[in-house]
Protein backbone atom coordinates (compact mmCIF):
# COMPACT_ATOMS: atom_id res chain seq x y z
CA UNK A 1 85.72 68.46 112.00
CA UNK A 2 85.18 72.21 111.69
CA UNK A 3 87.99 74.75 111.87
CA UNK A 4 87.35 78.49 112.29
CA UNK A 5 89.94 81.15 111.45
CA UNK A 6 89.77 84.80 112.46
CA UNK A 7 89.49 86.33 109.02
CA UNK A 8 90.09 89.56 107.11
CA UNK A 9 90.76 89.95 103.39
CA UNK A 10 92.04 86.41 102.94
CA UNK A 11 94.41 86.53 105.91
CA UNK A 12 94.38 85.47 109.55
CA UNK A 13 93.07 88.48 111.47
CA UNK A 14 95.39 89.21 114.36
CA UNK A 15 92.94 90.04 117.16
CA UNK A 16 90.48 87.40 118.28
CA UNK A 17 88.39 89.76 120.40
CA UNK A 18 87.90 92.25 117.55
CA UNK A 19 87.41 89.95 114.58
CA UNK A 20 84.37 90.76 112.49
CA UNK A 21 84.50 87.53 110.50
CA UNK A 22 85.49 83.91 110.76
CA UNK A 23 86.25 81.64 107.85
CA UNK A 24 84.87 78.19 108.70
CA UNK A 25 86.35 75.10 107.08
CA UNK A 26 84.69 71.69 107.06
CA UNK A 27 87.27 68.91 107.08
CA UNK A 28 86.83 65.25 106.21
CA UNK A 29 89.62 62.66 106.14
CA UNK A 30 92.18 65.41 106.68
CA UNK A 31 91.05 67.50 103.70
CA UNK A 32 88.97 70.67 103.41
CA UNK A 33 85.67 69.86 101.68
CA UNK A 34 83.87 73.17 102.19
CA UNK A 35 84.59 76.70 103.42
CA UNK A 36 82.44 79.74 104.14
CA UNK A 37 82.86 83.17 105.74
CA UNK A 38 80.52 84.06 108.61
CA UNK A 39 80.01 87.22 110.68
CA UNK A 40 81.12 87.29 114.31
CA UNK A 41 77.61 88.24 115.51
CA UNK A 42 78.83 89.46 118.87
CA UNK A 43 81.31 91.52 120.86
CA UNK A 44 83.76 90.32 123.44
CA UNK A 45 85.57 87.08 124.00
CA UNK A 46 82.72 85.27 125.73
CA UNK A 47 80.24 86.04 122.96
CA UNK A 48 82.69 84.89 120.29
CA UNK A 49 83.49 81.65 122.09
CA UNK A 50 79.77 80.93 122.47
CA UNK A 51 79.23 81.67 118.77
CA UNK A 52 81.92 79.18 117.80
CA UNK A 53 80.41 76.53 120.06
CA UNK A 54 76.97 77.14 118.51
CA UNK A 55 78.54 76.60 115.08
CA UNK A 56 80.03 73.28 116.28
CA UNK A 57 83.58 74.55 115.80
CA UNK A 58 86.27 72.13 116.96
CA UNK A 59 89.39 74.23 116.38
CA UNK A 60 90.10 77.98 116.33
CA UNK A 61 93.12 79.34 114.46
CA UNK A 62 93.95 82.96 115.22
CA UNK A 63 96.77 85.45 115.71
CA UNK A 64 96.74 87.39 118.96
CA UNK A 65 94.65 86.22 121.91
CA UNK A 66 94.63 86.82 125.66
CA UNK A 67 94.41 84.46 128.58
CA UNK A 68 90.76 85.23 129.28
CA UNK A 69 89.75 84.39 125.74
CA UNK A 70 91.79 81.20 125.88
CA UNK A 71 89.91 80.23 129.04
CA UNK A 72 86.57 80.97 127.35
CA UNK A 73 87.44 78.73 124.42
CA UNK A 74 88.49 75.94 126.77
CA UNK A 75 85.19 76.39 128.61
CA UNK A 76 83.39 75.75 125.32
CA UNK A 77 85.58 72.77 124.40
CA UNK A 78 87.31 74.46 121.46
CA UNK A 79 90.93 73.65 120.64
CA UNK A 80 93.10 76.75 120.20
CA UNK A 81 95.94 77.27 117.74
CA UNK A 82 97.16 80.85 118.28
CA UNK A 83 100.03 82.80 116.78
CA UNK A 84 99.11 82.14 113.15
CA UNK A 85 99.54 84.79 110.45
CA UNK A 86 99.38 85.21 106.70
CA UNK A 87 96.97 83.48 104.34
CA UNK A 88 94.06 81.81 106.15
CA UNK A 89 93.76 78.88 103.73
CA UNK A 90 97.47 78.15 104.05
CA UNK A 91 97.25 78.30 107.85
CA UNK A 92 94.52 75.64 107.82
CA UNK A 93 96.54 73.41 105.50
CA UNK A 94 99.55 73.81 107.79
CA UNK A 95 97.40 72.84 110.77
CA UNK A 96 96.14 69.74 108.98
CA UNK A 97 99.75 68.75 108.20
CA UNK A 98 100.66 69.18 111.87
CA UNK A 99 102.98 72.08 111.07
CA UNK A 100 101.12 74.91 112.81
CA UNK A 101 102.44 75.49 116.33
CA UNK A 102 100.14 76.88 119.03
CA UNK A 103 101.71 79.77 120.95
CA UNK A 104 98.86 79.81 123.47
CA UNK A 105 97.66 83.05 125.04
CA UNK A 106 99.89 85.86 123.78
CA UNK A 107 98.18 88.75 125.57
CA UNK A 108 96.73 90.79 122.75
CA UNK A 109 95.38 93.37 125.24
CA UNK A 110 92.42 94.41 123.12
CA UNK A 111 94.19 97.05 121.05
CA UNK A 112 92.60 98.30 117.86
CA UNK A 113 94.43 98.05 114.55
CA UNK A 114 95.48 95.72 111.78
CA UNK A 115 98.43 93.62 110.80
CA UNK A 116 101.21 95.27 108.87
CA UNK A 117 100.53 92.73 106.13
CA UNK A 118 98.03 95.33 104.91
CA UNK A 119 100.81 97.52 103.55
CA UNK A 120 101.76 95.30 100.68
CA UNK A 121 102.22 91.77 99.43
CA UNK A 122 104.55 89.86 101.74
CA UNK A 123 105.34 92.86 103.92
CA UNK A 124 105.52 92.59 107.66
CA UNK A 125 106.96 94.47 110.58
CA UNK A 126 109.67 91.96 111.32
CA UNK A 127 110.52 90.49 114.70
CA UNK A 128 110.83 92.77 117.67
CA UNK A 129 111.88 91.82 121.19
CA UNK A 130 110.17 94.81 122.75
CA UNK A 131 106.56 95.45 123.58
CA UNK A 132 103.76 93.11 124.56
CA UNK A 133 103.31 91.39 127.89
CA UNK A 134 106.16 88.88 127.68
CA UNK A 135 103.67 86.48 129.20
CA UNK A 136 103.56 88.31 132.53
CA UNK A 137 99.87 89.12 132.65
CA UNK A 138 98.68 87.36 135.78
CA UNK A 139 96.12 89.18 137.89
CA UNK A 140 94.67 88.49 141.29
CA UNK A 141 91.29 86.84 140.65
CA UNK A 142 88.10 88.54 141.79
CA UNK A 143 85.99 86.91 144.49
CA UNK A 144 82.22 86.71 144.73
CA UNK A 145 79.12 84.60 144.14
CA UNK A 146 79.11 85.24 140.36
CA UNK A 147 82.68 84.07 139.78
CA UNK A 148 82.78 81.31 137.18
CA UNK A 149 79.27 82.10 135.90
CA UNK A 150 78.47 83.23 132.39
CA UNK A 151 76.82 86.63 132.71
CA UNK A 152 75.44 89.35 130.46
CA UNK A 153 75.92 93.01 131.37
CA UNK A 154 75.15 96.39 129.90
CA UNK A 155 77.67 99.12 130.59
CA UNK A 156 78.64 102.69 129.83
CA UNK A 157 82.28 103.76 130.20
CA UNK A 158 83.45 107.34 130.65
CA UNK A 159 86.64 109.22 131.44
CA UNK A 160 86.79 111.57 134.42
CA UNK A 161 85.83 114.54 132.25
CA UNK A 162 82.58 112.79 131.35
CA UNK A 163 83.60 111.80 127.82
CA UNK A 164 82.11 108.43 126.87
CA UNK A 165 84.57 105.94 125.39
CA UNK A 166 82.29 102.92 125.04
CA UNK A 167 78.72 101.77 125.63
CA UNK A 168 76.93 98.48 125.12
CA UNK A 169 73.65 100.39 125.40
CA UNK A 170 74.52 102.23 122.20
CA UNK A 171 75.18 98.92 120.44
CA UNK A 172 71.93 97.48 121.77
CA UNK A 173 73.54 94.22 122.85
CA UNK A 174 74.70 93.24 126.36
CA UNK A 175 78.25 92.00 126.81
CA UNK A 176 78.50 88.28 127.61
CA UNK A 177 81.49 86.87 129.49
CA UNK A 178 82.51 84.46 132.23
CA UNK A 179 82.94 86.45 135.42
CA UNK A 180 86.40 86.05 136.92
CA UNK A 181 87.88 84.24 133.90
CA UNK A 182 90.10 87.17 132.96
CA UNK A 183 88.02 88.28 129.98
CA UNK A 184 87.41 91.67 131.58
CA UNK A 185 89.64 94.18 133.32
CA UNK A 186 90.02 93.37 137.06
CA UNK A 187 87.83 96.20 138.36
CA UNK A 188 84.95 95.27 136.06
CA UNK A 189 85.10 91.63 137.14
CA UNK A 190 85.22 92.67 140.80
CA UNK A 191 82.17 94.93 140.38
CA UNK A 192 80.07 92.21 138.75
CA UNK A 193 81.21 89.44 141.11
CA UNK A 194 78.56 90.17 143.77
CA UNK A 195 75.83 91.91 141.78
CA UNK A 196 72.20 90.76 141.62
CA UNK A 197 70.34 90.44 138.31
CA UNK A 198 68.67 93.78 137.58
CA UNK A 199 71.09 95.69 139.78
CA UNK A 200 73.02 98.70 138.43
CA UNK A 201 76.24 99.95 140.01
CA UNK A 202 78.64 102.78 139.31
CA UNK A 203 82.36 102.20 139.81
CA UNK A 204 85.46 104.34 139.53
CA UNK A 205 88.56 102.37 138.57
CA UNK A 206 92.16 103.42 139.07
CA UNK A 207 94.67 102.34 136.40
CA UNK A 208 95.74 99.35 138.51
CA UNK A 209 92.13 98.10 138.35
CA UNK A 210 91.84 98.76 134.61
CA UNK A 211 94.61 98.64 132.02
CA UNK A 212 97.56 99.38 134.29
CA UNK A 213 100.02 102.25 134.29
CA UNK A 214 101.76 103.29 131.11
CA UNK A 215 105.22 101.69 130.88
CA UNK A 216 107.86 104.04 129.43
CA UNK A 217 109.91 101.01 128.35
CA UNK A 218 107.05 100.01 126.04
CA UNK A 219 107.86 103.05 123.89
CA UNK A 220 110.72 102.17 121.55
CA UNK A 221 112.39 103.37 118.38
CA UNK A 222 113.59 101.19 115.50
CA UNK A 223 115.32 101.79 112.17
CA UNK A 224 112.83 101.88 109.33
CA UNK A 225 115.23 99.75 107.30
CA UNK A 226 114.61 96.88 109.76
CA UNK A 227 110.88 96.89 109.12
CA UNK A 228 109.91 96.38 105.50
CA UNK A 229 106.65 98.21 104.88
CA UNK A 230 107.05 100.58 107.82
CA UNK A 231 108.00 103.43 105.48
CA UNK A 232 104.31 103.57 104.58
CA UNK A 233 103.12 103.90 108.18
CA UNK A 234 101.87 107.20 109.55
CA UNK A 235 101.89 108.70 113.03
CA UNK A 236 98.73 107.67 114.89
CA UNK A 237 98.33 104.40 112.98
CA UNK A 238 97.89 101.16 114.91
CA UNK A 239 99.51 97.98 113.62
CA UNK A 240 100.92 94.68 114.86
CA UNK A 241 104.55 93.74 115.40
CA UNK A 242 105.96 90.38 116.39
CA UNK A 243 108.13 89.62 119.40
CA UNK A 244 111.08 87.22 119.37
CA UNK A 245 108.71 84.26 119.74
CA UNK A 246 106.75 85.26 116.66
CA UNK A 247 103.76 86.38 118.75
CA UNK A 248 101.83 89.45 117.49
CA UNK A 249 101.20 92.45 119.69
CA UNK A 250 99.52 95.78 118.88
CA UNK A 251 101.46 99.05 118.81
CA UNK A 252 100.77 102.65 117.84
CA UNK A 253 103.07 104.79 115.72
CA UNK A 254 103.88 107.86 117.85
CA UNK A 255 106.79 109.40 115.93
CA UNK A 256 108.63 109.01 112.63
CA UNK A 257 111.44 110.64 110.70
CA UNK A 258 113.39 109.74 107.57
CA UNK A 259 115.29 106.86 109.18
CA UNK A 260 113.52 105.82 112.39
CA UNK A 261 110.03 105.05 113.63
CA UNK A 262 108.82 105.07 117.23
CA UNK A 263 106.13 102.73 118.54
CA UNK A 264 104.11 102.69 121.76
CA UNK A 265 103.07 99.20 122.89
CA UNK A 266 101.08 100.43 125.87
CA UNK A 267 97.34 99.84 125.78
CA UNK A 268 95.52 102.98 124.68
CA UNK A 269 93.78 103.08 128.07
CA UNK A 270 96.97 102.57 130.10
CA UNK A 271 97.38 105.10 132.90
CA UNK A 272 93.76 106.27 132.71
CA UNK A 273 91.13 106.31 135.43
CA UNK A 274 87.87 104.87 134.13
CA UNK A 275 84.24 105.13 135.24
CA UNK A 276 81.63 102.49 134.50
CA UNK A 277 77.88 102.23 134.94
CA UNK A 278 77.24 98.47 134.97
CA UNK A 279 73.89 96.68 134.82
CA UNK A 280 73.73 92.92 135.39
CA UNK A 281 71.15 91.85 132.82
CA UNK A 282 71.24 88.07 133.15
CA UNK A 283 73.11 85.11 134.56
CA UNK A 284 73.23 82.81 131.54
CA UNK A 285 74.84 79.77 133.20
CA UNK A 286 75.29 78.93 136.86
């Protein structure tokens, strides 16, 4: 059996879709016999799931993960154990002892940032009941001939003022995903759903078709004393908190004084209109 763990500096990296490394463990008779760190070699949930399948991975242990990524892993026959944190080696040992509980999709929402474990040995941001999706992330599925197919697309994303925020062309690698599986924002899925290979379209997405409207209730203030390590955080920094179920979710520090710290759990693109130029490069699997 092979177990892969999203990996950064010895710990379980808390964002499946953004992990740059996996630590892969070979297990025989319930014991780890070999371990090695590999690069992610791709961007996006579909590419990562395909990479793990190519490496003959049986189980993925990670922190935060969304429903689309969970579906991609299931598509590739990979068992998921989400919600893990702390030392990667210890997480694997806990899994092998049957002590690691899978939280399932916990709606990471593709935020940038790192776990608060970075700020010192044993530090974390505590448990917080606010923020995150609370599991309410269902979207109306797109419809079209490409739904359910693994596709590869190039894209360029811009704001209404023309500022580019992302581009697969610049990275030189198309984005691979399963159309309609929830790996992409709804408007992107809907645009690709009926495209022909070689076709390029331009779409303008309202917030409801992208990352949703900003929720004022997702901005909250806590006492610094409740969050060991938070005294080291700075305004503008992105970190992970945990909700009451122990599930990680990304937040941004938006204000801080001597006794309190304010976080924003909205996605950084929430409330924004987005423009995409999308090229359907290939249909990988029918």
